Protein backbone atom coordinates (compact mmCIF):
# COMPACT_ATOMS: atom_id res chain seq x y z
CA MET A 1 4.91 -11.23 -20.50
CA ILE A 2 5.37 -8.14 -22.56
CA THR A 3 8.31 -8.65 -25.35
CA THR A 4 10.11 -6.33 -27.90
CA PRO A 5 10.31 -7.65 -31.36
CA GLY A 6 12.61 -10.40 -31.14
CA GLY A 7 11.36 -12.06 -28.44
CA ARG A 8 12.59 -10.15 -25.53
CA PRO A 9 11.04 -8.92 -22.65
CA SER A 10 10.42 -5.41 -22.27
CA GLY A 11 10.69 -3.18 -19.12
CA LEU A 12 6.98 -3.75 -17.88
CA VAL A 13 8.31 -7.57 -16.74
CA THR A 14 11.23 -6.09 -14.30
CA SER A 15 9.04 -4.39 -12.39
CA SER A 16 5.92 -6.32 -12.14
CA VAL A 17 7.87 -9.59 -11.34
CA ALA A 18 9.56 -7.98 -8.81
CA VAL A 19 6.30 -6.93 -7.43
CA MET A 20 5.19 -10.39 -7.66
CA GLU A 21 8.15 -12.03 -6.35
CA GLU A 22 8.23 -9.55 -3.26
CA GLN A 23 4.67 -10.87 -2.39
CA ARG A 24 5.95 -14.22 -2.80
CA VAL A 25 9.02 -14.06 -0.62
CA SER A 26 7.33 -11.58 2.22
CA GLY A 27 5.76 -15.35 3.50
CA GLY A 28 8.85 -16.01 4.99
CA GLY A 29 9.38 -13.18 7.08
CA PRO A 30 7.87 -12.20 10.67
CA PRO A 31 4.90 -12.98 11.35
CA GLN A 32 1.68 -11.28 10.35
CA TRP A 33 0.45 -10.15 13.03
CA TRP A 34 4.15 -8.58 14.42
CA ARG A 35 3.24 -6.17 11.59
CA HIS A 36 -0.72 -6.04 11.27
CA GLY A 37 -1.38 -6.65 15.09
CA PRO A 38 -2.02 -9.42 17.22
CA PRO A 39 -5.05 -12.10 16.17
CA TRP A 40 -7.04 -10.81 19.06
CA LEU A 41 -6.92 -6.88 17.72
CA ASN A 42 -8.47 -8.36 14.67
CA ARG A 43 -11.43 -9.90 16.34
CA TRP A 44 -11.67 -6.87 17.88
CA ASN A 45 -11.95 -4.46 14.89
CA GLU A 46 -14.70 -7.13 13.53
CA GLU A 47 -16.62 -6.66 16.71
CA GLU A 48 -16.29 -3.05 17.30
CA ARG A 49 -18.03 -2.60 13.83
CA GLY A 50 -20.69 -5.06 14.76
CA ALA A 51 -19.82 -8.27 12.50
CA ARG A 52 -19.76 -9.99 16.07
CA TRP A 53 -21.03 -10.37 19.80
CA PRO A 54 -18.40 -10.96 22.42
CA TRP A 55 -21.04 -13.71 23.82
CA ARG A 56 -17.84 -16.21 24.69
CA SER A 57 -16.00 -14.12 26.81
CA THR A 58 -18.78 -12.63 28.39
CA VAL A 59 -19.96 -16.06 29.42
CA LEU A 60 -16.79 -17.28 30.88
CA LEU A 61 -16.29 -14.28 32.74
CA THR A 62 -19.72 -14.02 34.37
CA VAL A 63 -19.08 -17.78 35.01
CA PHE A 64 -15.59 -16.66 36.69
CA VAL A 65 -17.17 -13.69 38.59
CA LEU A 66 -19.97 -15.99 40.06
CA ILE A 67 -17.65 -18.72 41.02
CA GLY A 68 -15.03 -16.63 42.58
CA SER A 69 -17.70 -14.35 44.04
CA ASN A 70 -18.83 -17.60 45.95
CA TYR A 71 -15.38 -18.32 47.07
CA ALA A 72 -14.79 -14.82 48.17
CA ALA A 73 -17.75 -15.36 50.39
CA HIS A 74 -16.88 -18.19 52.36
CA GLN A 75 -13.41 -16.50 53.26
CA GLN A 76 -15.17 -13.51 54.75
CA VAL A 77 -17.99 -15.21 56.11
CA HIS A 78 -17.78 -13.08 59.34
CA GLU A 79 -16.67 -9.76 57.32
CA ARG A 80 -19.46 -9.14 54.88
CA ALA A 81 -22.99 -9.62 54.10
CA GLU A 82 -24.09 -13.06 53.03
CA LEU A 83 -24.23 -13.41 49.30
CA ASN A 84 -27.49 -13.93 48.25
CA ALA A 85 -29.96 -13.93 45.07
CA PHE A 86 -30.02 -10.07 44.55
CA ALA A 87 -25.53 -10.15 44.81
CA ARG A 88 -25.54 -12.59 42.42
CA VAL A 89 -27.77 -10.57 39.95
CA LEU A 90 -25.89 -7.44 40.41
CA LEU A 91 -23.15 -9.69 39.46
CA ILE A 92 -24.80 -11.42 36.67
CA VAL A 93 -25.87 -7.37 35.31
CA GLY A 94 -22.61 -5.89 35.64
CA SER A 95 -20.98 -9.43 33.85
CA GLY A 96 -23.33 -9.05 31.10
CA LEU A 97 -23.07 -5.40 30.38
CA LEU A 98 -19.90 -6.38 29.08
CA LEU A 99 -21.49 -8.13 25.63
CA TRP A 100 -22.36 -4.29 24.37
CA ARG A 101 -18.53 -3.11 25.16
CA GLN A 102 -17.47 -2.81 22.10
CA ARG A 103 -21.17 -0.96 20.81
CA HIS A 104 -21.52 1.44 22.94
CA PRO A 105 -18.33 1.30 25.72
CA VAL A 106 -19.28 4.46 27.87
CA VAL A 107 -23.14 3.27 29.10
CA VAL A 108 -21.00 -0.49 29.59
CA VAL A 109 -18.35 1.09 31.78
CA PHE A 110 -20.34 3.23 33.78
CA GLY A 111 -23.01 0.69 34.04
CA THR A 112 -20.23 -1.83 35.19
CA SER A 113 -19.07 1.08 37.86
CA ALA A 114 -22.78 1.38 39.07
CA ALA A 115 -23.47 -2.11 39.82
CA ALA A 116 -19.83 -2.63 41.35
CA MET A 117 -20.58 0.53 43.21
CA VAL A 118 -24.23 -0.75 44.46
CA TYR A 119 -22.32 -4.01 45.00
CA LEU A 120 -19.91 -3.31 47.29
CA GLY A 121 -22.72 -0.44 49.02
CA ALA A 122 -25.08 -3.34 50.31
CA GLY A 123 -21.99 -4.64 51.96
CA PHE A 124 -21.47 -7.71 49.88
CA PRO A 125 -17.93 -9.61 49.67
CA TYR A 126 -15.03 -8.65 47.92
CA GLY A 127 -13.78 -10.15 44.95
CA PRO A 128 -13.63 -10.66 41.28
CA VAL A 129 -16.34 -7.97 41.10
CA PHE A 130 -13.85 -4.90 39.84
CA LEU A 131 -12.59 -7.89 36.66
CA THR A 132 -15.76 -6.32 35.18
CA VAL A 133 -14.92 -2.55 35.83
CA ALA A 134 -11.22 -3.34 34.37
CA LEU A 135 -12.44 -4.77 31.16
CA ALA A 136 -15.17 -2.09 31.02
CA CYS A 137 -12.46 0.38 31.17
CA PHE A 138 -10.16 -1.00 28.86
CA SER A 139 -12.54 -1.43 26.11
CA ALA A 140 -13.71 2.05 26.65
CA VAL A 141 -9.98 3.53 26.64
CA VAL A 142 -9.12 1.42 23.67
CA ALA A 143 -12.10 2.73 21.47
CA GLY A 144 -11.08 6.30 22.15
CA TYR A 145 -13.36 7.14 25.08
CA ARG A 146 -10.40 7.91 27.84
CA ARG A 147 -12.51 10.21 29.91
CA ALA A 148 -15.41 8.51 30.21
CA ALA A 149 -12.99 5.68 31.81
CA TRP A 150 -11.40 8.04 33.92
CA GLY A 151 -14.48 9.24 34.96
CA ALA A 152 -16.35 5.88 35.96
CA VAL A 153 -13.47 4.63 37.74
CA GLY A 154 -13.12 7.66 39.37
CA MET A 155 -16.01 7.48 40.59
CA LEU A 156 -16.12 3.92 41.78
CA TRP A 157 -12.75 4.83 43.69
CA ALA A 158 -14.70 7.77 45.28
CA GLY A 159 -17.60 6.04 46.19
CA HIS A 160 -15.44 3.35 47.79
CA VAL A 161 -13.91 5.42 49.73
CA LEU A 162 -16.93 7.59 50.85
CA MET A 163 -19.12 3.89 51.78
CA SER A 164 -15.60 2.63 53.82
CA HIS A 165 -14.54 5.88 55.66
CA TRP A 166 -18.05 7.79 56.48
CA LEU A 167 -21.15 5.79 55.10
CA TYR A 168 -20.36 2.18 56.62
CA ARG A 169 -22.06 3.26 59.88
CA TRP A 170 -25.30 2.89 58.25
CA LEU A 171 -24.05 0.47 55.58
CA PRO A 172 -24.90 -3.16 55.67
CA PRO A 173 -23.31 -5.31 57.05
CA SER A 174 -24.17 -3.69 60.68
CA GLY A 175 -20.87 -3.20 63.30
CA ASP A 176 -18.65 -2.76 60.17
CA SER A 177 -15.12 -1.13 61.00
CA ALA A 178 -13.96 1.67 58.28
CA VAL A 179 -11.09 0.14 55.74
CA ALA A 180 -7.78 1.25 56.24
CA TRP A 181 -6.38 3.51 54.54
CA GLY A 182 -3.35 1.45 53.15
CA GLN A 183 -6.20 -0.59 51.25
CA GLU A 184 -7.21 2.02 49.83
CA ILE A 185 -3.60 2.99 48.50
CA VAL A 186 -3.58 -0.82 47.03
CA VAL A 187 -7.10 0.24 45.38
CA ALA A 188 -6.33 3.19 43.30
CA THR A 189 -2.68 1.36 42.66
CA TRP A 190 -4.78 -1.10 40.82
CA VAL A 191 -7.16 1.60 39.39
CA VAL A 192 -3.68 3.25 37.91
CA ALA A 193 -2.26 0.10 36.62
CA ILE A 194 -5.45 -0.78 34.98
CA VAL A 195 -5.81 2.51 33.31
CA ALA A 196 -1.70 2.35 32.15
CA VAL A 197 -2.63 -0.98 30.72
CA ALA A 198 -5.14 0.56 28.77
CA GLU A 199 -3.54 4.05 27.37
CA LEU A 200 -0.39 1.02 26.18
CA ALA A 201 -2.90 -0.99 24.64
CA ARG A 202 -5.17 1.87 23.03
CA THR A 203 -1.42 3.60 22.18
CA ARG A 204 -0.90 0.15 20.38
CA ARG A 205 -3.90 -0.24 18.68
CA GLU A 206 -3.62 3.38 17.27
CA GLN A 207 -0.06 2.65 16.11
CA TRP A 208 -1.54 -0.54 14.55
CA ALA A 209 -3.98 1.96 12.44
CA ARG A 210 -1.26 3.56 11.47
CA ASP A 211 0.91 1.32 9.97
CA ARG A 212 -2.04 -0.34 8.23
CA ALA A 213 -2.94 2.89 6.91
CA GLU A 214 0.50 3.87 5.59
CA ARG A 215 0.54 0.21 4.13
CA ALA A 216 -2.27 0.65 2.34
CA GLN A 217 -1.19 4.34 1.06
CA ALA A 218 2.44 2.39 0.27
CA ALA A 219 0.08 -0.63 -1.88
CA LYS A 220 -1.87 2.52 -3.53
CA ARG A 221 1.26 4.33 -4.98
CA ARG A 222 3.00 1.06 -5.93
CA ALA A 223 -0.17 -0.31 -8.07
CA ASP A 224 -0.61 3.88 -9.58
CA GLU A 225 3.34 3.43 -10.50
CA GLU A 226 2.56 0.39 -11.78
CA ARG A 227 -0.17 0.85 -14.11
CA LEU A 228 1.94 4.33 -15.22
CA LYS A 229 4.75 1.85 -16.06
CA MET A 230 2.36 -0.46 -17.85
CA ALA A 231 0.82 2.69 -19.82
CA ARG A 232 4.61 3.74 -20.49
CA GLU A 233 5.80 0.53 -21.86
CA LEU A 234 2.40 -0.20 -23.55
CA HIS A 235 2.65 3.11 -25.49
CA ASP A 236 6.59 2.64 -26.43
CA VAL A 237 6.44 -0.82 -27.47
CA LEU A 238 3.23 -0.32 -29.81
CA ALA A 239 3.97 3.23 -30.92
CA HIS A 240 6.55 2.56 -33.18
CA SER A 241 4.54 -0.80 -34.83
CA ILE A 242 1.56 1.39 -35.54
CA SER A 243 3.67 4.42 -37.08
CA VAL A 244 5.52 2.12 -39.11
CA ILE A 245 2.13 0.37 -40.32
CA ASN A 246 0.56 4.14 -40.99
CA VAL A 247 3.73 5.49 -42.62
CA GLN A 248 3.74 2.05 -44.98
CA ALA A 249 -0.02 2.42 -45.77
CA GLY A 250 0.15 6.07 -47.05
CA VAL A 251 3.12 5.13 -49.09
CA GLY A 252 0.89 1.40 -50.40
CA LEU A 253 -2.56 4.01 -51.20
CA ALA A 254 0.27 6.37 -53.02
CA LEU A 255 1.51 3.55 -55.31
CA LEU A 256 -1.10 1.07 -55.66
CA ASP A 257 -1.68 2.11 -59.43
CA SER A 258 1.42 3.76 -60.40
CA ASP A 259 4.00 0.90 -58.50
CA PRO A 260 2.28 -2.07 -57.70
CA GLU A 261 5.37 -3.38 -56.90
CA GLN A 262 6.29 -0.75 -54.12
CA ALA A 263 2.63 -1.05 -52.66
CA ARG A 264 3.10 -4.74 -52.56
CA THR A 265 6.28 -4.07 -50.56
CA ALA A 266 4.66 -1.95 -48.34
CA LEU A 267 1.91 -4.06 -47.82
CA THR A 268 4.30 -6.80 -46.65
CA THR A 269 6.10 -4.65 -44.04
CA ILE A 270 2.62 -3.47 -42.57
CA LYS A 271 1.56 -6.89 -42.17
CA ALA A 272 4.40 -8.26 -40.40
CA ALA A 273 4.04 -4.79 -38.36
CA SER A 274 0.62 -5.73 -37.37
CA LYS A 275 1.44 -9.20 -36.95
CA GLU A 276 4.38 -8.27 -34.29
CA ALA A 277 1.84 -5.88 -32.26
CA LEU A 278 -0.99 -7.99 -32.01
CA GLY A 279 1.37 -10.71 -30.97
CA GLU A 280 2.40 -7.87 -28.17
CA VAL A 281 -0.72 -7.34 -27.55
CA ARG A 282 -1.49 -10.74 -26.85
CA GLN A 283 1.39 -11.25 -24.51
CA VAL A 284 0.08 -7.99 -22.11
CA LEU A 285 -3.02 -9.67 -21.85
CA ASP A 286 -1.56 -13.27 -21.22
CA THR A 287 0.35 -11.76 -18.62
CA LEU A 288 -2.61 -9.93 -16.75
CA ARG A 289 -4.43 -13.07 -16.85
CA THR A 290 -1.59 -15.54 -15.40
CA PRO A 291 0.90 -13.08 -13.60
CA GLY A 292 3.92 -14.69 -12.16
CA ASP A 293 5.70 -15.74 -15.29
CA VAL A 294 9.12 -14.96 -15.27
CA PRO A 295 11.18 -13.32 -17.74
CA ARG A 296 13.84 -15.27 -20.03
CA ALA A 297 15.93 -12.82 -21.19
CA PRO A 298 17.09 -9.22 -20.17
CA ALA A 299 15.06 -6.11 -21.16
CA PRO A 300 16.06 -4.62 -24.17
CA GLY A 301 18.89 -2.03 -23.85
CA LEU A 302 21.30 0.10 -26.33
CA ASP A 303 22.92 -3.37 -27.41
CA ARG A 304 19.96 -3.10 -29.97
CA LEU A 305 20.12 -0.59 -31.52
CA PRO A 306 21.15 -1.78 -34.77
CA GLU A 307 17.63 -3.83 -34.59
CA LEU A 308 16.10 -0.17 -34.49
CA VAL A 309 17.71 1.35 -37.27
CA GLU A 310 16.64 -1.39 -38.96
CA GLN A 311 12.82 -0.96 -38.21
CA ALA A 312 13.32 2.64 -38.61
CA GLY A 313 14.79 2.03 -41.81
CA SER A 314 12.18 0.01 -43.10
CA ALA A 315 9.25 2.76 -42.55
CA GLY A 316 11.79 4.60 -45.05
CA LEU A 317 13.90 6.37 -42.26
CA THR A 318 17.64 6.79 -42.50
CA VAL A 319 19.16 6.84 -39.17
CA ASP A 320 22.88 7.64 -38.73
CA VAL A 321 24.44 6.07 -35.19
CA GLU A 322 27.35 8.34 -34.06
CA GLY A 323 29.41 7.25 -30.67
CA GLU A 324 29.55 3.30 -28.84
CA PRO A 325 27.46 3.31 -25.37
CA PRO A 326 29.06 2.13 -22.18
CA ARG A 327 27.99 -0.70 -19.71
CA LEU A 328 25.05 0.50 -18.24
CA ALA A 329 22.76 -0.58 -15.42
CA PRO A 330 19.31 -2.39 -16.62
CA GLY A 331 17.51 0.34 -15.78
CA THR A 332 19.22 2.87 -17.24
CA ASP A 333 19.69 0.70 -20.16
CA LEU A 334 16.30 -0.05 -21.15
CA ALA A 335 15.29 3.92 -20.61
CA ALA A 336 18.13 4.84 -23.36
CA PHE A 337 16.72 2.52 -25.45
CA ARG A 338 13.19 3.36 -24.69
CA ILE A 339 13.93 7.42 -25.50
CA VAL A 340 15.76 6.75 -28.29
CA GLN A 341 12.60 4.61 -30.16
CA GLU A 342 10.09 7.50 -29.02
CA ALA A 343 12.36 9.68 -30.36
CA LEU A 344 12.65 7.92 -33.92
CA THR A 345 9.18 7.05 -33.64
CA ASN A 346 8.34 10.74 -33.72
CA VAL A 347 10.47 11.64 -36.49
CA VAL A 348 8.16 8.96 -38.33
CA ARG A 349 4.91 10.01 -37.43
CA HIS A 350 5.81 14.25 -37.41
CA SER A 351 8.51 14.92 -39.56
CA GLY A 352 8.89 15.57 -43.17
CA SER A 353 12.82 14.45 -43.16
CA ARG A 354 13.78 11.37 -43.88
CA HIS A 355 16.85 11.57 -42.05
CA ALA A 356 17.95 11.19 -38.59
CA ARG A 357 21.35 11.49 -36.46
CA VAL A 358 21.05 9.59 -32.78
CA ARG A 359 24.66 10.79 -31.20
CA LEU A 360 25.80 8.94 -27.94
CA ALA A 361 28.12 10.23 -25.50
CA HIS A 362 29.18 9.91 -22.25
CA ASP A 363 31.98 10.36 -19.29
CA LYS A 364 32.03 8.89 -15.69
CA ARG A 365 28.97 10.37 -14.25
CA GLU A 366 25.96 10.62 -17.55
CA LEU A 367 25.18 9.47 -20.73
CA ARG A 368 23.96 12.19 -22.93
CA LEU A 369 21.60 11.18 -26.49
CA ARG A 370 20.87 13.60 -28.63
CA ILE A 371 18.32 12.53 -31.82
CA ASP A 372 18.22 15.57 -34.51
CA ASP A 373 16.16 15.44 -37.51
CA ASP A 374 16.19 17.80 -40.21
CA GLY A 375 12.70 18.72 -40.29
CA PRO A 376 10.34 20.26 -41.75
CA ALA A 377 7.34 19.12 -39.31
CA THR A 378 4.03 17.83 -41.05
CA GLY A 379 1.79 18.31 -38.51
CA ALA A 380 0.54 21.45 -36.01
CA ASP A 381 1.81 18.28 -33.23
CA ALA A 382 4.96 18.02 -34.53
CA GLY A 383 6.46 19.53 -31.33
CA GLY A 384 5.83 16.50 -29.44
CA SER A 385 3.09 17.65 -26.64
CA GLY A 386 1.49 14.07 -26.42
CA ASN A 387 2.14 10.93 -24.43
CA GLY A 388 5.42 9.71 -26.29
CA LEU A 389 7.64 13.42 -24.37
CA ALA A 390 5.54 12.86 -21.49
CA GLY A 391 6.80 9.33 -21.21
CA MET A 392 10.46 9.85 -21.86
CA ARG A 393 10.60 12.98 -19.14
CA GLU A 394 9.08 10.05 -17.03
CA ARG A 395 11.70 7.41 -17.45
CA ALA A 396 14.20 10.19 -17.55
CA ALA A 397 13.05 11.90 -14.34
CA ALA A 398 13.00 8.20 -12.45
CA LEU A 399 16.78 7.95 -12.93
CA GLY A 400 17.76 11.63 -11.69
CA GLY A 401 18.02 12.89 -15.68
CA THR A 402 17.00 15.40 -17.58
CA ILE A 403 14.99 15.27 -21.13
CA GLU A 404 15.21 18.40 -23.54
CA ALA A 405 12.85 18.35 -26.65
CA GLY A 406 12.20 21.33 -29.07
CA PRO A 407 12.91 22.82 -32.54
CA ARG A 408 16.30 23.46 -33.34
CA PRO A 409 17.47 26.97 -34.47
CA ASP A 410 17.77 26.19 -37.52
CA GLY A 411 14.94 23.78 -38.78
CA GLY A 412 14.08 20.61 -37.32
CA PHE A 413 13.48 18.85 -33.90
CA ARG A 414 15.79 17.89 -31.42
CA VAL A 415 15.83 15.19 -27.92
CA LEU A 416 18.36 16.05 -25.89
CA ALA A 417 18.57 13.08 -22.68
CA VAL A 418 20.94 13.16 -19.98
CA LEU A 419 20.67 10.08 -17.53
CA PRO A 420 23.09 9.68 -14.93
CA LEU A 421 25.42 6.35 -14.68
CA LYS A 422 25.38 6.58 -10.64
CA VAL A 423 22.17 4.61 -10.87
CA LYS A 424 24.09 1.68 -11.69
CA ALA A 425 25.86 1.30 -8.57
CA LYS A 426 22.67 1.90 -6.11
CA GLU A 427 20.99 -0.94 -8.98
CA ASP A 428 23.48 -3.17 -8.55
CA ASP A 429 23.30 -2.98 -4.68
CA ARG A 430 20.13 -4.18 -4.93
């Protein structure tokens, strides 16, 4: 876990651990298929991508169709033609085509419909021959080929009507009579039911696909936010230590010959600051390698402002603090602390002034932080257009606050942050 001076964890821990805890706890909620679709849908998707052939279901269906058709033949022995080898070949072909139902659904739905039409036109007994057409139609609709499925089923029904009411005189079996229109209504009802179930399955599948895409986008967005938080935390945590090292190194070099004792003090400060920075980097890497550590102390807040003033003093900066901070929610407290830390770091790095003022004021609605220095700037980038001010603005914006930073009319530089206190209530509700 990432810590700050004194061994306390930074705000990165609160966000990272929250995400990891959410992932751990999510296993105790509803079953995964409730959000991601049933298991058969996942296997369906694998088959559609060509990862598998649905040969098990195809073999089982073929056996069922053959046995069911044989049973139907015994029940319709005086009504339909005998179930011969040609009929069995048609049944096997119609069922075997289902092996390609995920790869070529249009060909399969028309092929099974044609096989069923030839089977019925040859006068063979009614039976589960329609089951192959129903499954092919279902597969085509779910795969998105709705018109092809409707066309194939409509072709089969129209052919059945034509053979049952006009062509039956010339088709086997001999002496057959026209089928009652009531039976055609039953067949049409079954066709509509098959198409309706297929459309429902297609709709649900598309909904699951949209849900998966939305979850993937949300996960990517959370990952991007965590990456941004990590970059911001690393900048805020390390920038102060690096600035102290930079300033003290300059002091040590300048006084190395004229005042060796003062140079020794500067080198001692550099050693302490560099050790602290290395420890923080090591803890960051440990957190990335072994995620899941729970923070043992709260994130830093304005109660550690005296420590921050002391660290700034070791860099040669005198800081006067006015006002007392109110009781803040953890997120607001951390953001306020980081804003003050970054503002003082910028004074150390970019300002020629060795004196800064921090003023805290608040009412029932907002906290106002003002950090001033008297300047002048020591470099062209003293205005602070880099990652430091960008990070402060991001922290304030995340809470619904604002940051104003720029030169003062009388010289120097000012950072003014306004953070709403109503965030506390929202965070407490969570």
